Every structure is written in C-alpha cells, then in structure tokens.
Amino acid sequence: MLRTITIGTTVSVQGIFVRDMPDGRVSVKVDKEVYVGKPITAKN
C-alpha cells in the first residue's frame, strides 16, 4: 500500500508502507531507503 508522509515542513515522500511507529509517525520504503515522517491524511 502506498503512503505519503511529510518530513520537516516542506518535503513529502510517497512510498510503500513499512510500519507504524509508536509515536504516531509512519515509515515508508522508496527503493532501498526507508523514510520516517508524519502521515498525510485525506481531507474530505
């Protein structure tokens, strides 16, 4: 499943979901790198 996260205030990363972190952040994998950041939620 693809997830989008923010790293800092302006950088967004979209990748394959890896896992939820205990502090509410999410980790995603892009190629061989794993990034951790705050998930972007959909606005309805």
C-alpha atoms as a PDB file:
ATOM      1  CA  MET A   1       0.000   0.000   0.000  1.00  0.00           C
ATOM      2  CA  LEU A   2       1.344   3.431  -0.902  1.00  0.00           C
ATOM      3  CA  ARG A   3       1.503   6.062   1.845  1.00  0.00           C
ATOM      4  CA  THR A   4       2.544   9.704   1.767  1.00  0.00           C
ATOM      5  CA  ILE A   5       4.440  11.271   4.655  1.00  0.00           C
ATOM      6  CA  THR A   6       5.941  14.667   5.396  1.00  0.00           C
ATOM      7  CA  ILE A   7       9.499  15.105   6.555  1.00  0.00           C
ATOM      8  CA  GLY A   8      10.047  18.535   8.050  1.00  0.00           C
ATOM      9  CA  THR A   9       7.759  21.296   6.803  1.00  0.00           C
ATOM     10  CA  THR A  10       8.079  21.120   3.025  1.00  0.00           C
ATOM     11  CA  VAL A  11       9.323  17.679   1.959  1.00  0.00           C
ATOM     12  CA  SER A  12       6.810  14.939   1.113  1.00  0.00           C
ATOM     13  CA  VAL A  13       7.722  11.319   0.362  1.00  0.00           C
ATOM     14  CA  GLN A  14       5.482   8.670  -1.156  1.00  0.00           C
ATOM     15  CA  GLY A  15       6.437   5.024  -0.833  1.00  0.00           C
ATOM     16  CA  ILE A  16       5.490   1.513   0.225  1.00  0.00           C
ATOM     17  CA  PHE A  17       4.161   1.342   3.788  1.00  0.00           C
ATOM     18  CA  VAL A  18       6.566  -0.409   6.180  1.00  0.00           C
ATOM     19  CA  ARG A  19       5.148   0.107   9.673  1.00  0.00           C
ATOM     20  CA  ASP A  20       3.524   2.450  12.187  1.00  0.00           C
ATOM     21  CA  MET A  21       5.891   3.873  14.778  1.00  0.00           C
ATOM     22  CA  PRO A  22       4.862   4.090  18.473  1.00  0.00           C
ATOM     23  CA  ASP A  23       4.932   7.911  18.386  1.00  0.00           C
ATOM     24  CA  GLY A  24       2.385   8.183  15.533  1.00  0.00           C
ATOM     25  CA  ARG A  25       4.852   8.525  12.678  1.00  0.00           C
ATOM     26  CA  VAL A  26       4.901   6.120   9.709  1.00  0.00           C
ATOM     27  CA  SER A  27       7.821   4.554   7.867  1.00  0.00           C
ATOM     28  CA  VAL A  28       7.795   4.051   4.094  1.00  0.00           C
ATOM     29  CA  LYS A  29      10.287   2.451   1.728  1.00  0.00           C
ATOM     30  CA  VAL A  30      11.431   4.074  -1.521  1.00  0.00           C
ATOM     31  CA  ASP A  31      13.819   1.859  -3.488  1.00  0.00           C
ATOM     32  CA  LYS A  32      16.347   0.805  -0.823  1.00  0.00           C
ATOM     33  CA  GLU A  33      15.801   3.752   1.559  1.00  0.00           C
ATOM     34  CA  VAL A  34      13.339   3.846   4.463  1.00  0.00           C
ATOM     35  CA  TYR A  35      11.932   7.242   5.492  1.00  0.00           C
ATOM     36  CA  VAL A  36      10.050   8.097   8.685  1.00  0.00           C
ATOM     37  CA  GLY A  37       7.644  11.026   8.981  1.00  0.00           C
ATOM     38  CA  LYS A  38       4.157  12.214   9.794  1.00  0.00           C
ATOM     39  CA  PRO A  39       1.399  10.684   7.669  1.00  0.00           C
ATOM     40  CA  ILE A  40      -0.674  12.913   5.406  1.00  0.00           C
ATOM     41  CA  THR A  41      -4.382  12.406   5.968  1.00  0.00           C
ATOM     42  CA  ALA A  42      -7.006  12.817   3.260  1.00  0.00           C
ATOM     43  CA  LYS A  43      -9.316  15.819   3.535  1.00  0.00           C
ATOM     44  CA  ASN A  44     -12.969  15.082   2.890  1.00  0.00           C
END
